[in-house]
């Protein structure tokens, strides 16, 4: 049986969807001989960086000039030419006229639920209705949390029987790095002079970083003198701030440095207003870093009792959580241990098994 997968999210700088695809493909090649996987990408797809994983798979590159035409016409023809039985899209876009059975993923509804995106015409009309069309066409819909499943049912009125919850898997590369020399080397590489509180993710409005920065500035001076706030994944200028010794932004973090950066942090802070799943706090937990997180959307479901939660709309509450964690070493140690145990529940192997079950169920 031939399974086609849209792999355009495989980029040099990995996105969340790119990580999901790589971990799935890494495990799937060792799991089953019943499926033949064919990977579809465009000229921007980075198949070369993952040769050790992707060498076993057939890859089809289709030049993309206009995304809508690629999605609906070029991909449809390529699926037919390659005699694809089941097509898997890691997001809501699928070729609506394909004869292949389709499985799509909807990992969150950020652009329909969170301001400032929710008020945009494109999101409320085009995206919302296209998701409904794609969901009607799909045999199954994969989402990554029960929280998002409820959103899909309530906001888009999608049938719950079609929706399969697959908790995502954290890569085994995220593990505790104990070598002090290695941690100090990475700190020096990214200009981190002292102990630090870490955030990793993009700098989009729903990540709530302006409140995080305000919360950090509310800390007592002695804490700010001892601990820097490090924001990884975007440009400080987007937030209207400049780097200082106590507030450091890192636009780009090399993938191989992430486990060390997590391991060296005193605290990982995640103030997001909405998440379909939330990879970064789980990655931090897997590296032995204690986590404080917002209490919204899927995050309590995913992080369980292994994080200190706060209301992300209350700046004082964010600041209080940071202060409590930094001043209470016993609390950090308890959450560090709980986090390690929690992260072990979310493996690529479990994720892959459930996705393969979905493929089998639609045949």
Foldseek 3Di string as FASTA:
>chain_A
DEEEEEQAQQAPAHDPLNVLVQLLQQQVVVPDPPYAYEYEYEPRHPPPVNCVRPVSHHYHYDHDDDVVCCAAPVVLVVCVVVVHQEYEYADQGHHLPHPHAYEYEHAALCQCPDPPNNPDPCSVPVVLVSSLSSLVRHQAYEYAFVLRLVVCCPVNVRDSVRYDHFHAADDPLLAADDDPVLLVVLCVVQVQDAAEEEEEDADDVQQLVLLVVVLVVPDDPVVLVHYAYEYEAQDVVVVVDDDDNRYGYHNDDPPNCVNSPLNRHQEYEGLGNEGSHDDVVLSSLNRLHQYEYEPDGCVCVLCPPLHHYFHSVDSNRSSVRVVVSVVDVVNRNSSSVSSNVSNVVRHSNSSNVVVVVVVVVSD
